[in-house]
Amino acid sequence: MRVHVDIDHTDIEGDDGQVEGLCLVCARCGHEVEVAGTTGASARRGAIMLREECPKGEGNFYDVDYWE
């Protein structure tokens, strides 16, 4: 199932302190993940994390192509 994901800029705790990142939130269940970086590649990594960490065990496809 294709699912919309909300993406916002955020600061996250990295190895070297605070770094710019993205917060991705599943529009179906509200599960969220944070990733370092603010590029399309970072958004795609977050989408993979959402799929892998889905609390409902769903194999959703998260549409982040618009982020670039």
PDB file of N, CA and C in Angstrom:
ATOM      1  N   MET A   1       0.832  -1.176   0.000  1.00  0.00           N
ATOM      2  CA  MET A   1       0.000   0.000   0.000  1.00  0.00           C
ATOM      3  C   MET A   1       0.882   1.247   0.000  1.00  0.00           C
ATOM      4  N   ARG A   2       0.545   2.206  -0.840  1.00  0.00           N
ATOM      5  CA  ARG A   2       1.275   3.468  -0.896  1.00  0.00           C
ATOM      6  C   ARG A   2       0.714   4.393   0.199  1.00  0.00           C
ATOM      7  N   VAL A   3       1.597   4.910   1.031  1.00  0.00           N
ATOM      8  CA  VAL A   3       1.194   5.727   2.172  1.00  0.00           C
ATOM      9  C   VAL A   3       1.922   7.062   2.121  1.00  0.00           C
ATOM     10  N   HIS A   4       1.181   8.132   2.399  1.00  0.00           N
ATOM     11  CA  HIS A   4       1.779   9.459   2.479  1.00  0.00           C
ATOM     12  C   HIS A   4       2.611   9.555   3.755  1.00  0.00           C
ATOM     13  N   VAL A   5       3.686  10.296   3.685  1.00  0.00           N
ATOM     14  CA  VAL A   5       4.521  10.525   4.861  1.00  0.00           C
ATOM     15  C   VAL A   5       4.745  12.024   4.998  1.00  0.00           C
ATOM     16  N   ASP A   6       4.579  12.519   6.218  1.00  0.00           N
ATOM     17  CA  ASP A   6       4.857  13.924   6.506  1.00  0.00           C
ATOM     18  C   ASP A   6       6.327  14.050   6.882  1.00  0.00           C
ATOM     19  N   ILE A   7       7.004  15.033   6.291  1.00  0.00           N
ATOM     20  CA  ILE A   7       8.437  15.217   6.530  1.00  0.00           C
ATOM     21  C   ILE A   7       8.681  16.634   7.013  1.00  0.00           C
ATOM     22  N   ASP A   8       9.397  16.754   8.130  1.00  0.00           N
ATOM     23  CA  ASP A   8       9.752  18.056   8.683  1.00  0.00           C
ATOM     24  C   ASP A   8      11.238  18.086   8.992  1.00  0.00           C
ATOM     25  N   HIS A   9      11.821  19.283   8.871  1.00  0.00           N
ATOM     26  CA  HIS A   9      13.211  19.481   9.299  1.00  0.00           C
ATOM     27  C   HIS A   9      13.246  19.456  10.818  1.00  0.00           C
ATOM     28  N   THR A  10      14.335  18.899  11.357  1.00  0.00           N
ATOM     29  CA  THR A  10      14.513  18.865  12.801  1.00  0.00           C
ATOM     30  C   THR A  10      16.001  18.774  13.104  1.00  0.00           C
ATOM     31  N   ASP A  11      16.363  19.033  14.320  1.00  0.00           N
ATOM     32  CA  ASP A  11      17.729  18.796  14.773  1.00  0.00           C
ATOM     33  C   ASP A  11      17.723  17.489  15.538  1.00  0.00           C
ATOM     34  N   ILE A  12      18.676  16.616  15.220  1.00  0.00           N
ATOM     35  CA  ILE A  12      18.748  15.334  15.913  1.00  0.00           C
ATOM     36  C   ILE A  12      20.125  15.190  16.548  1.00  0.00           C
ATOM     37  N   GLU A  13      20.212  14.305  17.521  1.00  0.00           N
ATOM     38  CA  GLU A  13      21.465  14.060  18.214  1.00  0.00           C
ATOM     39  C   GLU A  13      22.310  13.104  17.386  1.00  0.00           C
ATOM     40  N   GLY A  14      23.442  13.608  16.907  1.00  0.00           N
ATOM     41  CA  GLY A  14      24.364  12.781  16.132  1.00  0.00           C
ATOM     42  C   GLY A  14      25.589  12.440  16.949  1.00  0.00           C
ATOM     43  N   ASP A  15      26.544  11.777  16.325  1.00  0.00           N
ATOM     44  CA  ASP A  15      27.781  11.408  17.019  1.00  0.00           C
ATOM     45  C   ASP A  15      28.560  12.634  17.485  1.00  0.00           C
ATOM     46  N   ASP A  16      28.447  13.730  16.734  1.00  0.00           N
ATOM     47  CA  ASP A  16      29.184  14.947  17.049  1.00  0.00           C
ATOM     48  C   ASP A  16      28.270  16.042  17.599  1.00  0.00           C
ATOM     49  N   GLY A  17      27.198  15.669  18.270  1.00  0.00           N
ATOM     50  CA  GLY A  17      26.254  16.650  18.808  1.00  0.00           C
ATOM     51  C   GLY A  17      25.052  16.805  17.893  1.00  0.00           C
ATOM     52  N   GLN A  18      24.422  17.961  17.955  1.00  0.00           N
ATOM     53  CA  GLN A  18      23.223  18.229  17.168  1.00  0.00           C
ATOM     54  C   GLN A  18      23.561  18.382  15.685  1.00  0.00           C
ATOM     55  N   VAL A  19      22.773  17.702  14.827  1.00  0.00           N
ATOM     56  CA  VAL A  19      22.934  17.819  13.384  1.00  0.00           C
ATOM     57  C   VAL A  19      21.563  18.035  12.753  1.00  0.00           C
ATOM     58  N   GLU A  20      21.563  18.608  11.547  1.00  0.00           N
ATOM     59  CA  GLU A  20      20.311  18.783  10.821  1.00  0.00           C
ATOM     60  C   GLU A  20      19.805  17.431  10.353  1.00  0.00           C
ATOM     61  N   GLY A  21      18.501  17.260  10.413  1.00  0.00           N
ATOM     62  CA  GLY A  21      17.936  16.001   9.979  1.00  0.00           C
ATOM     63  C   GLY A  21      16.485  16.150   9.590  1.00  0.00           C
ATOM     64  N   LEU A  22      15.845  15.003   9.387  1.00  0.00           N
ATOM     65  CA  LEU A  22      14.439  14.969   9.013  1.00  0.00           C
ATOM     66  C   LEU A  22      13.675  14.088   9.990  1.00  0.00           C
ATOM     67  N   CYS A  23      12.443  14.465  10.234  1.00  0.00           N
ATOM     68  CA  CYS A  23      11.517  13.644  11.003  1.00  0.00           C
ATOM     69  C   CYS A  23      10.420  13.214  10.038  1.00  0.00           C
ATOM     70  N   LEU A  24      10.243  11.916   9.862  1.00  0.00           N
ATOM     71  CA  LEU A  24       9.231  11.366   8.960  1.00  0.00           C
ATOM     72  C   LEU A  24       8.142  10.711   9.788  1.00  0.00           C
ATOM     73  N   VAL A  25       6.875  11.012   9.456  1.00  0.00           N
ATOM     74  CA  VAL A  25       5.740  10.498  10.207  1.00  0.00           C
ATOM     75  C   VAL A  25       4.777   9.803   9.248  1.00  0.00           C
ATOM     76  N   CYS A  26       4.437   8.546   9.556  1.00  0.00           N
ATOM     77  CA  CYS A  26       3.491   7.785   8.759  1.00  0.00           C
ATOM     78  C   CYS A  26       2.097   8.372   8.928  1.00  0.00           C
ATOM     79  N   ALA A  27       1.433   8.668   7.815  1.00  0.00           N
ATOM     80  CA  ALA A  27       0.102   9.255   7.860  1.00  0.00           C
ATOM     81  C   ALA A  27      -0.958   8.236   8.293  1.00  0.00           C
ATOM     82  N   ARG A  28      -0.659   6.943   8.208  1.00  0.00           N
ATOM     83  CA  ARG A  28      -1.624   5.912   8.615  1.00  0.00           C
ATOM     84  C   ARG A  28      -1.669   5.711  10.124  1.00  0.00           C
ATOM     85  N   CYS A  29      -0.497   5.606  10.753  1.00  0.00           N
ATOM     86  CA  CYS A  29      -0.499   5.251  12.184  1.00  0.00           C
ATOM     87  C   CYS A  29       0.218   6.247  13.079  1.00  0.00           C
ATOM     88  N   GLY A  30       0.946   7.215  12.485  1.00  0.00           N
ATOM     89  CA  GLY A  30       1.633   8.215  13.290  1.00  0.00           C
ATOM     90  C   GLY A  30       3.016   7.806  13.764  1.00  0.00           C
ATOM     91  N   HIS A  31       3.479   6.602  13.376  1.00  0.00           N
ATOM     92  CA  HIS A  31       4.836   6.186  13.757  1.00  0.00           C
ATOM     93  C   HIS A  31       5.831   7.153  13.135  1.00  0.00           C
ATOM     94  N   GLU A  32       6.862   7.505  13.876  1.00  0.00           N
ATOM     95  CA  GLU A  32       7.842   8.451  13.340  1.00  0.00           C
ATOM     96  C   GLU A  32       9.263   7.965  13.536  1.00  0.00           C
ATOM     97  N   VAL A  33      10.124   8.416  12.617  1.00  0.00           N
ATOM     98  CA  VAL A  33      11.554   8.127  12.685  1.00  0.00           C
ATOM     99  C   VAL A  33      12.304   9.421  12.395  1.00  0.00           C
ATOM    100  N   GLU A  34      13.550   9.476  12.861  1.00  0.00           N
ATOM    101  CA  GLU A  34      14.420  10.616  12.581  1.00  0.00           C
ATOM    102  C   GLU A  34      15.664  10.110  11.875  1.00  0.00           C
ATOM    103  N   VAL A  35      16.120  10.877  10.882  1.00  0.00           N
ATOM    104  CA  VAL A  35      17.338  10.533  10.145  1.00  0.00           C
ATOM    105  C   VAL A  35      18.215  11.770  10.027  1.00  0.00           C
ATOM    106  N   ALA A  36      19.514  11.542   9.993  1.00  0.00           N
ATOM    107  CA  ALA A  36      20.456  12.635   9.786  1.00  0.00           C
ATOM    108  C   ALA A  36      20.440  13.037   8.320  1.00  0.00           C
ATOM    109  N   GLY A  37      20.650  14.316   8.064  1.00  0.00           N
ATOM    110  CA  GLY A  37      20.698  14.824   6.699  1.00  0.00           C
ATOM    111  C   GLY A  37      19.347  15.348   6.254  1.00  0.00           C
ATOM    112  N   THR A  38      19.376  16.173   5.206  1.00  0.00           N
ATOM    113  CA  THR A  38      18.145  16.806   4.728  1.00  0.00           C
ATOM    114  C   THR A  38      17.950  16.624   3.227  1.00  0.00           C
ATOM    115  N   THR A  39      18.606  15.633   2.658  1.00  0.00           N
ATOM    116  CA  THR A  39      18.527  15.398   1.209  1.00  0.00           C
ATOM    117  C   THR A  39      17.450  14.367   0.882  1.00  0.00           C
ATOM    118  N   GLY A  40      17.223  14.181  -0.401  1.00  0.00           N
ATOM    119  CA  GLY A  40      16.304  13.147  -0.850  1.00  0.00           C
ATOM    120  C   GLY A  40      16.748  11.760  -0.403  1.00  0.00           C
ATOM    121  N   ALA A  41      18.068  11.529  -0.382  1.00  0.00           N
ATOM    122  CA  ALA A  41      18.589  10.246   0.078  1.00  0.00           C
ATOM    123  C   ALA A  41      18.247  10.019   1.548  1.00  0.00           C
ATOM    124  N   SER A  42      18.294  11.073   2.347  1.00  0.00           N
ATOM    125  CA  SER A  42      17.927  10.967   3.755  1.00  0.00           C
ATOM    126  C   SER A  42      16.447  10.630   3.895  1.00  0.00           C
ATOM    127  N   ALA A  43      15.615  11.267   3.075  1.00  0.00           N
ATOM    128  CA  ALA A  43      14.172  10.998   3.107  1.00  0.00           C
ATOM    129  C   ALA A  43      13.896   9.549   2.717  1.00  0.00           C
ATOM    130  N   ARG A  44      14.607   9.040   1.712  1.00  0.00           N
ATOM    131  CA  ARG A  44      14.420   7.650   1.299  1.00  0.00           C
ATOM    132  C   ARG A  44      14.866   6.684   2.397  1.00  0.00           C
ATOM    133  N   ARG A  45      15.959   7.015   3.079  1.00  0.00           N
ATOM    134  CA  ARG A  45      16.426   6.179   4.201  1.00  0.00           C
ATOM    135  C   ARG A  45      15.360   6.164   5.295  1.00  0.00           C
ATOM    136  N   GLY A  46      14.757   7.308   5.574  1.00  0.00           N
ATOM    137  CA  GLY A  46      13.696   7.370   6.574  1.00  0.00           C
ATOM    138  C   GLY A  46      12.502   6.521   6.180  1.00  0.00           C
ATOM    139  N   ALA A  47      12.166   6.518   4.882  1.00  0.00           N
ATOM    140  CA  ALA A  47      11.053   5.701   4.398  1.00  0.00           C
ATOM    141  C   ALA A  47      11.340   4.218   4.613  1.00  0.00           C
ATOM    142  N   ILE A  48      12.576   3.816   4.382  1.00  0.00           N
ATOM    143  CA  ILE A  48      12.959   2.421   4.618  1.00  0.00           C
ATOM    144  C   ILE A  48      12.838   2.088   6.102  1.00  0.00           C
ATOM    145  N   MET A  49      13.281   3.011   6.946  1.00  0.00           N
ATOM    146  CA  MET A  49      13.180   2.791   8.391  1.00  0.00           C
ATOM    147  C   MET A  49      11.717   2.682   8.826  1.00  0.00           C
ATOM    148  N   LEU A  50      10.843   3.526   8.272  1.00  0.00           N
ATOM    149  CA  LEU A  50       9.421   3.438   8.612  1.00  0.00           C
ATOM    150  C   LEU A  50       8.874   2.059   8.262  1.00  0.00           C
ATOM    151  N   ARG A  51       9.243   1.565   7.087  1.00  0.00           N
ATOM    152  CA  ARG A  51       8.770   0.245   6.655  1.00  0.00           C
ATOM    153  C   ARG A  51       9.290  -0.854   7.576  1.00  0.00           C
ATOM    154  N   GLU A  52      10.585  -0.798   7.908  1.00  0.00           N
ATOM    155  CA  GLU A  52      11.204  -1.824   8.748  1.00  0.00           C
ATOM    156  C   GLU A  52      10.683  -1.793  10.185  1.00  0.00           C
ATOM    157  N   GLU A  53      10.353  -0.599  10.686  1.00  0.00           N
ATOM    158  CA  GLU A  53       9.955  -0.438  12.087  1.00  0.00           C
ATOM    159  C   GLU A  53       8.447  -0.345  12.289  1.00  0.00           C
ATOM    160  N   CYS A  54       7.650  -0.582  11.251  1.00  0.00           N
ATOM    161  CA  CYS A  54       6.199  -0.421  11.349  1.00  0.00           C
ATOM    162  C   CYS A  54       5.650  -1.193  12.549  1.00  0.00           C
ATOM    163  N   PRO A  55       5.014  -0.499  13.504  1.00  0.00           N
ATOM    164  CA  PRO A  55       4.500  -1.180  14.694  1.00  0.00           C
ATOM    165  C   PRO A  55       3.354  -2.153  14.378  1.00  0.00           C
ATOM    166  N   LYS A  56       2.735  -2.013  13.210  1.00  0.00           N
ATOM    167  CA  LYS A  56       1.645  -2.903  12.819  1.00  0.00           C
ATOM    168  C   LYS A  56       2.115  -4.020  11.898  1.00  0.00           C
ATOM    169  N   GLY A  57       3.411  -4.028  11.570  1.00  0.00           N
ATOM    170  CA  GLY A  57       3.965  -5.066  10.713  1.00  0.00           C
ATOM    171  C   GLY A  57       3.542  -4.945   9.254  1.00  0.00           C
ATOM    172  N   GLU A  58       3.098  -3.774   8.845  1.00  0.00           N
ATOM    173  CA  GLU A  58       2.669  -3.568   7.464  1.00  0.00           C
ATOM    174  C   GLU A  58       3.883  -3.324   6.570  1.00  0.00           C
ATOM    175  N   GLY A  59       3.799  -3.725   5.329  1.00  0.00           N
ATOM    176  CA  GLY A  59       4.879  -3.522   4.364  1.00  0.00           C
ATOM    177  C   GLY A  59       4.551  -2.361   3.443  1.00  0.00           C
ATOM    178  N   ASN A  60       4.287  -1.219   4.010  1.00  0.00           N
ATOM    179  CA  ASN A  60       3.861  -0.048   3.233  1.00  0.00           C
ATOM    180  C   ASN A  60       4.987   0.522   2.387  1.00  0.00           C
ATOM    181  N   PHE A  61       4.602   1.193   1.311  1.00  0.00           N
ATOM    182  CA  PHE A  61       5.523   1.959   0.483  1.00  0.00           C
ATOM    183  C   PHE A  61       5.281   3.422   0.808  1.00  0.00           C
ATOM    184  N   TYR A  62       6.299   4.092   1.308  1.00  0.00           N
ATOM    185  CA  TYR A  62       6.173   5.490   1.729  1.00  0.00           C
ATOM    186  C   TYR A  62       6.641   6.416   0.608  1.00  0.00           C
ATOM    187  N   ASP A  63       5.770   7.276   0.164  1.00  0.00           N
ATOM    188  CA  ASP A  63       6.032   8.154  -0.970  1.00  0.00           C
ATOM    189  C   ASP A  63       6.814   9.391  -0.541  1.00  0.00           C
ATOM    190  N   VAL A  64       8.127   9.377  -0.758  1.00  0.00           N
ATOM    191  CA  VAL A  64       8.968  10.520  -0.408  1.00  0.00           C
ATOM    192  C   VAL A  64       9.650  11.122  -1.634  1.00  0.00           C
ATOM    193  N   ASP A  65       9.251  10.690  -2.825  1.00  0.00           N
ATOM    194  CA  ASP A  65       9.877  11.184  -4.051  1.00  0.00           C
ATOM    195  C   ASP A  65       9.744  12.692  -4.216  1.00  0.00           C
ATOM    196  N   TYR A  66       8.686  13.269  -3.683  1.00  0.00           N
ATOM    197  CA  TYR A  66       8.458  14.706  -3.812  1.00  0.00           C
ATOM    198  C   TYR A  66       9.462  15.518  -3.005  1.00  0.00           C
ATOM    199  N   TRP A  67      10.177  14.900  -2.091  1.00  0.00           N
ATOM    200  CA  TRP A  67      11.063  15.643  -1.179  1.00  0.00           C
ATOM    201  C   TRP A  67      12.203  16.314  -1.928  1.00  0.00           C
ATOM    202  N   GLU A  68      12.699  15.736  -3.008  1.00  0.00           N
ATOM    203  CA  GLU A  68      13.859  16.303  -3.712  1.00  0.00           C
ATOM    204  C   GLU A  68      13.473  17.496  -4.450  1.00  0.00           C
TER     205      GLU A  68
END
